[in-house]
Amino acid sequence: NLMMISQGSSEVNISFVVKQNDGP
C-alpha cells in the first residue's frame, strides 16, 4: 500500500512512502 507519492518536474525521481515493514 502506498501512503504518499511525490514526483518532481524533472521526472528523474518518483518517490513514495510505504509502511516500514514493506520498504525492503
PDB file of all heavy atoms in Angstrom:
ATOM      1  N   ASN A   1       0.818  -1.205   0.000  1.00  0.00           N
ATOM      2  CA  ASN A   1       0.000   0.000   0.000  1.00  0.00           C
ATOM      3  C   ASN A   1       0.855   1.259   0.000  1.00  0.00           C
ATOM      4  O   ASN A   1       1.824   1.365   0.757  1.00  0.00           O
ATOM      5  CB  ASN A   1      -0.905   0.016   1.239  1.00  0.00           C
ATOM      6  CG  ASN A   1      -1.822   1.228   1.257  1.00  0.00           C
ATOM      7  OD1 ASN A   1      -2.498   1.517   0.286  1.00  0.00           O
ATOM      8  ND2 ASN A   1      -1.829   1.933   2.377  1.00  0.00           N
ATOM      9  N   LEU A   2       0.514   2.214  -0.876  1.00  0.00           N
ATOM     10  CA  LEU A   2       1.225   3.487  -0.955  1.00  0.00           C
ATOM     11  C   LEU A   2       0.516   4.525  -0.099  1.00  0.00           C
ATOM     12  O   LEU A   2      -0.696   4.719  -0.221  1.00  0.00           O
ATOM     13  CB  LEU A   2       1.298   3.971  -2.397  1.00  0.00           C
ATOM     14  CG  LEU A   2       1.946   3.016  -3.406  1.00  0.00           C
ATOM     15  CD1 LEU A   2       1.995   3.659  -4.781  1.00  0.00           C
ATOM     16  CD2 LEU A   2       3.332   2.621  -2.964  1.00  0.00           C
ATOM     17  N   MET A   3       1.267   5.199   0.742  1.00  0.00           N
ATOM     18  CA  MET A   3       0.692   6.184   1.662  1.00  0.00           C
ATOM     19  C   MET A   3       0.882   7.611   1.167  1.00  0.00           C
ATOM     20  O   MET A   3       0.200   8.529   1.605  1.00  0.00           O
ATOM     21  CB  MET A   3       1.340   6.026   3.035  1.00  0.00           C
ATOM     22  CG  MET A   3       1.221   4.617   3.603  1.00  0.00           C
ATOM     23  SD  MET A   3       2.207   4.381   5.085  1.00  0.00           S
ATOM     24  CE  MET A   3       1.347   5.434   6.250  1.00  0.00           C
ATOM     25  N   MET A   4       1.834   7.823   0.259  1.00  0.00           N
ATOM     26  CA  MET A   4       2.134   9.162  -0.266  1.00  0.00           C
ATOM     27  C   MET A   4       2.979   8.983  -1.516  1.00  0.00           C
ATOM     28  O   MET A   4       3.811   8.080  -1.596  1.00  0.00           O
ATOM     29  CB  MET A   4       2.890   9.985   0.782  1.00  0.00           C
ATOM     30  CG  MET A   4       3.415  11.333   0.310  1.00  0.00           C
ATOM     31  SD  MET A   4       4.333  12.171   1.643  1.00  0.00           S
ATOM     32  CE  MET A   4       5.122  13.493   0.711  1.00  0.00           C
ATOM     33  N   ILE A   5       2.766   9.839  -2.511  1.00  0.00           N
ATOM     34  CA  ILE A   5       3.514   9.791  -3.770  1.00  0.00           C
ATOM     35  C   ILE A   5       4.009  11.196  -4.092  1.00  0.00           C
ATOM     36  O   ILE A   5       3.285  12.188  -3.891  1.00  0.00           O
ATOM     37  CB  ILE A   5       2.640   9.275  -4.933  1.00  0.00           C
ATOM     38  CG1 ILE A   5       2.103   7.880  -4.623  1.00  0.00           C
ATOM     39  CG2 ILE A   5       3.428   9.262  -6.241  1.00  0.00           C
ATOM     40  CD1 ILE A   5       1.038   7.413  -5.603  1.00  0.00           C
ATOM     41  N   SER A   6       5.236  11.284  -4.609  1.00  0.00           N
ATOM     42  CA  SER A   6       5.787  12.580  -4.977  1.00  0.00           C
ATOM     43  C   SER A   6       6.672  12.429  -6.197  1.00  0.00           C
ATOM     44  O   SER A   6       7.437  11.466  -6.305  1.00  0.00           O
ATOM     45  CB  SER A   6       6.613  13.162  -3.816  1.00  0.00           C
ATOM     46  OG  SER A   6       7.203  14.384  -4.160  1.00  0.00           O
ATOM     47  N   GLN A   7       6.561  13.373  -7.143  1.00  0.00           N
ATOM     48  CA  GLN A   7       7.436  13.383  -8.314  1.00  0.00           C
ATOM     49  C   GLN A   7       7.737  14.816  -8.711  1.00  0.00           C
ATOM     50  O   GLN A   7       6.835  15.654  -8.791  1.00  0.00           O
ATOM     51  CB  GLN A   7       6.806  12.657  -9.506  1.00  0.00           C
ATOM     52  CG  GLN A   7       7.728  12.628 -10.732  1.00  0.00           C
ATOM     53  CD  GLN A   7       7.158  11.842 -11.892  1.00  0.00           C
ATOM     54  OE1 GLN A   7       5.970  11.553 -11.928  1.00  0.00           O
ATOM     55  NE2 GLN A   7       7.997  11.496 -12.856  1.00  0.00           N
ATOM     56  N   GLY A   8       9.001  15.096  -8.957  1.00  0.00           N
ATOM     57  CA  GLY A   8       9.395  16.425  -9.393  1.00  0.00           C
ATOM     58  C   GLY A   8       9.218  16.591 -10.891  1.00  0.00           C
ATOM     59  O   GLY A   8       9.052  15.617 -11.634  1.00  0.00           O
ATOM     60  N   SER A   9       9.276  17.829 -11.343  1.00  0.00           N
ATOM     61  CA  SER A   9       9.070  18.118 -12.763  1.00  0.00           C
ATOM     62  C   SER A   9      10.186  17.567 -13.641  1.00  0.00           C
ATOM     63  O   SER A   9      10.011  17.381 -14.842  1.00  0.00           O
ATOM     64  CB  SER A   9       8.958  19.632 -12.974  1.00  0.00           C
ATOM     65  OG  SER A   9      10.130  20.290 -12.531  1.00  0.00           O
ATOM     66  N   SER A  10      11.357  17.263 -13.048  1.00  0.00           N
ATOM     67  CA  SER A  10      12.455  16.710 -13.836  1.00  0.00           C
ATOM     68  C   SER A  10      12.182  15.273 -14.262  1.00  0.00           C
ATOM     69  O   SER A  10      12.814  14.770 -15.195  1.00  0.00           O
ATOM     70  CB  SER A  10      13.759  16.746 -13.032  1.00  0.00           C
ATOM     71  OG  SER A  10      13.706  15.831 -11.959  1.00  0.00           O
ATOM     72  N   GLU A  11      11.253  14.602 -13.575  1.00  0.00           N
ATOM     73  CA  GLU A  11      10.874  13.213 -13.853  1.00  0.00           C
ATOM     74  C   GLU A  11      12.015  12.223 -13.646  1.00  0.00           C
ATOM     75  O   GLU A  11      11.948  11.077 -14.081  1.00  0.00           O
ATOM     76  CB  GLU A  11      10.316  13.054 -15.279  1.00  0.00           C
ATOM     77  CG  GLU A  11       9.100  13.910 -15.580  1.00  0.00           C
ATOM     78  CD  GLU A  11       8.556  13.668 -16.979  1.00  0.00           C
ATOM     79  OE1 GLU A  11       8.254  12.511 -17.312  1.00  0.00           O
ATOM     80  OE2 GLU A  11       8.463  14.651 -17.725  1.00  0.00           O
ATOM     81  N   VAL A  12      13.078  12.647 -12.971  1.00  0.00           N
ATOM     82  CA  VAL A  12      14.215  11.767 -12.735  1.00  0.00           C
ATOM     83  C   VAL A  12      13.963  10.872 -11.522  1.00  0.00           C
ATOM     84  O   VAL A  12      14.578   9.831 -11.372  1.00  0.00           O
ATOM     85  CB  VAL A  12      15.496  12.601 -12.528  1.00  0.00           C
ATOM     86  CG1 VAL A  12      16.678  11.751 -12.086  1.00  0.00           C
ATOM     87  CG2 VAL A  12      15.839  13.334 -13.814  1.00  0.00           C
ATOM     88  N   ASN A  13      13.031  11.252 -10.676  1.00  0.00           N
ATOM     89  CA  ASN A  13      12.803  10.546  -9.422  1.00  0.00           C
ATOM     90  C   ASN A  13      11.305  10.440  -9.160  1.00  0.00           C
ATOM     91  O   ASN A  13      10.604  11.450  -9.150  1.00  0.00           O
ATOM     92  CB  ASN A  13      13.496  11.310  -8.287  1.00  0.00           C
ATOM     93  CG  ASN A  13      13.285  10.686  -6.922  1.00  0.00           C
ATOM     94  OD1 ASN A  13      12.554   9.716  -6.770  1.00  0.00           O
ATOM     95  ND2 ASN A  13      13.912  11.269  -5.928  1.00  0.00           N
ATOM     96  N   ILE A  14      10.813   9.230  -8.964  1.00  0.00           N
ATOM     97  CA  ILE A  14       9.463   9.007  -8.469  1.00  0.00           C
ATOM     98  C   ILE A  14       9.599   8.426  -7.072  1.00  0.00           C
ATOM     99  O   ILE A  14      10.219   7.379  -6.888  1.00  0.00           O
ATOM    100  CB  ILE A  14       8.669   8.038  -9.369  1.00  0.00           C
ATOM    101  CG1 ILE A  14       8.512   8.632 -10.772  1.00  0.00           C
ATOM    102  CG2 ILE A  14       7.298   7.744  -8.764  1.00  0.00           C
ATOM    103  CD1 ILE A  14       7.841   7.700 -11.758  1.00  0.00           C
ATOM    104  N   SER A  15       9.060   9.130  -6.087  1.00  0.00           N
ATOM    105  CA  SER A  15       9.213   8.728  -4.693  1.00  0.00           C
ATOM    106  C   SER A  15       7.852   8.408  -4.101  1.00  0.00           C
ATOM    107  O   SER A  15       6.837   8.992  -4.483  1.00  0.00           O
ATOM    108  CB  SER A  15       9.867   9.842  -3.876  1.00  0.00           C
ATOM    109  OG  SER A  15      11.061  10.280  -4.489  1.00  0.00           O
ATOM    110  N   PHE A  16       7.860   7.507  -3.150  1.00  0.00           N
ATOM    111  CA  PHE A  16       6.612   7.163  -2.469  1.00  0.00           C
ATOM    112  C   PHE A  16       6.923   6.675  -1.065  1.00  0.00           C
ATOM    113  O   PHE A  16       8.071   6.356  -0.734  1.00  0.00           O
ATOM    114  CB  PHE A  16       5.819   6.125  -3.259  1.00  0.00           C
ATOM    115  CG  PHE A  16       6.581   4.861  -3.572  1.00  0.00           C
ATOM    116  CD1 PHE A  16       6.600   3.790  -2.688  1.00  0.00           C
ATOM    117  CD2 PHE A  16       7.299   4.758  -4.754  1.00  0.00           C
ATOM    118  CE1 PHE A  16       7.307   2.646  -2.974  1.00  0.00           C
ATOM    119  CE2 PHE A  16       8.018   3.598  -5.046  1.00  0.00           C
ATOM    120  CZ  PHE A  16       8.023   2.546  -4.150  1.00  0.00           C
ATOM    121  N   VAL A  17       5.884   6.635  -0.239  1.00  0.00           N
ATOM    122  CA  VAL A  17       6.020   6.245   1.157  1.00  0.00           C
ATOM    123  C   VAL A  17       5.190   4.994   1.409  1.00  0.00           C
ATOM    124  O   VAL A  17       4.046   4.896   0.960  1.00  0.00           O
ATOM    125  CB  VAL A  17       5.553   7.384   2.092  1.00  0.00           C
ATOM    126  CG1 VAL A  17       5.604   6.953   3.552  1.00  0.00           C
ATOM    127  CG2 VAL A  17       6.411   8.627   1.880  1.00  0.00           C
ATOM    128  N   VAL A  18       5.789   4.037   2.106  1.00  0.00           N
ATOM    129  CA  VAL A  18       5.099   2.802   2.479  1.00  0.00           C
ATOM    130  C   VAL A  18       5.383   2.521   3.947  1.00  0.00           C
ATOM    131  O   VAL A  18       6.260   3.144   4.568  1.00  0.00           O
ATOM    132  CB  VAL A  18       5.549   1.607   1.617  1.00  0.00           C
ATOM    133  CG1 VAL A  18       5.220   1.831   0.162  1.00  0.00           C
ATOM    134  CG2 VAL A  18       7.039   1.326   1.798  1.00  0.00           C
ATOM    135  N   LYS A  19       4.655   1.566   4.498  1.00  0.00           N
ATOM    136  CA  LYS A  19       4.920   1.147   5.865  1.00  0.00           C
ATOM    137  C   LYS A  19       6.340   0.575   5.957  1.00  0.00           C
ATOM    138  O   LYS A  19       6.863   0.002   5.006  1.00  0.00           O
ATOM    139  CB  LYS A  19       3.911   0.085   6.304  1.00  0.00           C
ATOM    140  CG  LYS A  19       2.553   0.656   6.699  1.00  0.00           C
ATOM    141  CD  LYS A  19       2.666   1.460   7.991  1.00  0.00           C
ATOM    142  CE  LYS A  19       1.313   1.917   8.498  1.00  0.00           C
ATOM    143  NZ  LYS A  19       1.458   2.730   9.743  1.00  0.00           N
ATOM    144  N   GLN A  20       6.933   0.714   7.122  1.00  0.00           N
ATOM    145  CA  GLN A  20       8.336   0.328   7.298  1.00  0.00           C
ATOM    146  C   GLN A  20       8.584  -1.133   6.925  1.00  0.00           C
ATOM    147  O   GLN A  20       9.577  -1.461   6.269  1.00  0.00           O
ATOM    148  CB  GLN A  20       8.750   0.585   8.744  1.00  0.00           C
ATOM    149  CG  GLN A  20      10.244   0.500   8.974  1.00  0.00           C
ATOM    150  CD  GLN A  20      10.648   1.107  10.302  1.00  0.00           C
ATOM    151  OE1 GLN A  20       9.851   1.199  11.229  1.00  0.00           O
ATOM    152  NE2 GLN A  20      11.892   1.531  10.413  1.00  0.00           N
ATOM    153  N   ASN A  21       7.683  -2.008   7.317  1.00  0.00           N
ATOM    154  CA  ASN A  21       7.874  -3.426   7.017  1.00  0.00           C
ATOM    155  C   ASN A  21       7.802  -3.718   5.525  1.00  0.00           C
ATOM    156  O   ASN A  21       8.329  -4.735   5.062  1.00  0.00           O
ATOM    157  CB  ASN A  21       6.819  -4.270   7.745  1.00  0.00           C
ATOM    158  CG  ASN A  21       7.078  -4.335   9.237  1.00  0.00           C
ATOM    159  OD1 ASN A  21       8.189  -4.085   9.702  1.00  0.00           O
ATOM    160  ND2 ASN A  21       6.042  -4.662  10.008  1.00  0.00           N
ATOM    161  N   ASP A  22       7.142  -2.842   4.764  1.00  0.00           N
ATOM    162  CA  ASP A  22       7.007  -3.036   3.323  1.00  0.00           C
ATOM    163  C   ASP A  22       8.179  -2.457   2.536  1.00  0.00           C
ATOM    164  O   ASP A  22       8.294  -2.694   1.324  1.00  0.00           O
ATOM    165  CB  ASP A  22       5.711  -2.402   2.817  1.00  0.00           C
ATOM    166  CG  ASP A  22       4.473  -3.195   3.204  1.00  0.00           C
ATOM    167  OD1 ASP A  22       4.599  -4.424   3.377  1.00  0.00           O
ATOM    168  OD2 ASP A  22       3.389  -2.593   3.329  1.00  0.00           O
ATOM    169  N   GLY A  23       9.049  -1.681   3.195  1.00  0.00           N
ATOM    170  CA  GLY A  23      10.119  -0.994   2.481  1.00  0.00           C
ATOM    171  C   GLY A  23      11.068  -1.917   1.732  1.00  0.00           C
ATOM    172  O   GLY A  23      11.218  -1.800   0.504  1.00  0.00           O
ATOM    173  N   PRO A  24      11.728  -2.865   2.415  1.00  0.00           N
ATOM    174  CA  PRO A  24      12.638  -3.767   1.701  1.00  0.00           C
ATOM    175  C   PRO A  24      11.940  -4.564   0.603  1.00  0.00           C
ATOM    176  O   PRO A  24      12.519  -4.784  -0.472  1.00  0.00           O
ATOM    177  CB  PRO A  24      13.153  -4.684   2.817  1.00  0.00           C
ATOM    178  CG  PRO A  24      13.026  -3.873   4.060  1.00  0.00           C
ATOM    179  CD  PRO A  24      11.776  -3.060   3.873  1.00  0.00           C
TER     180      PRO A  24
END
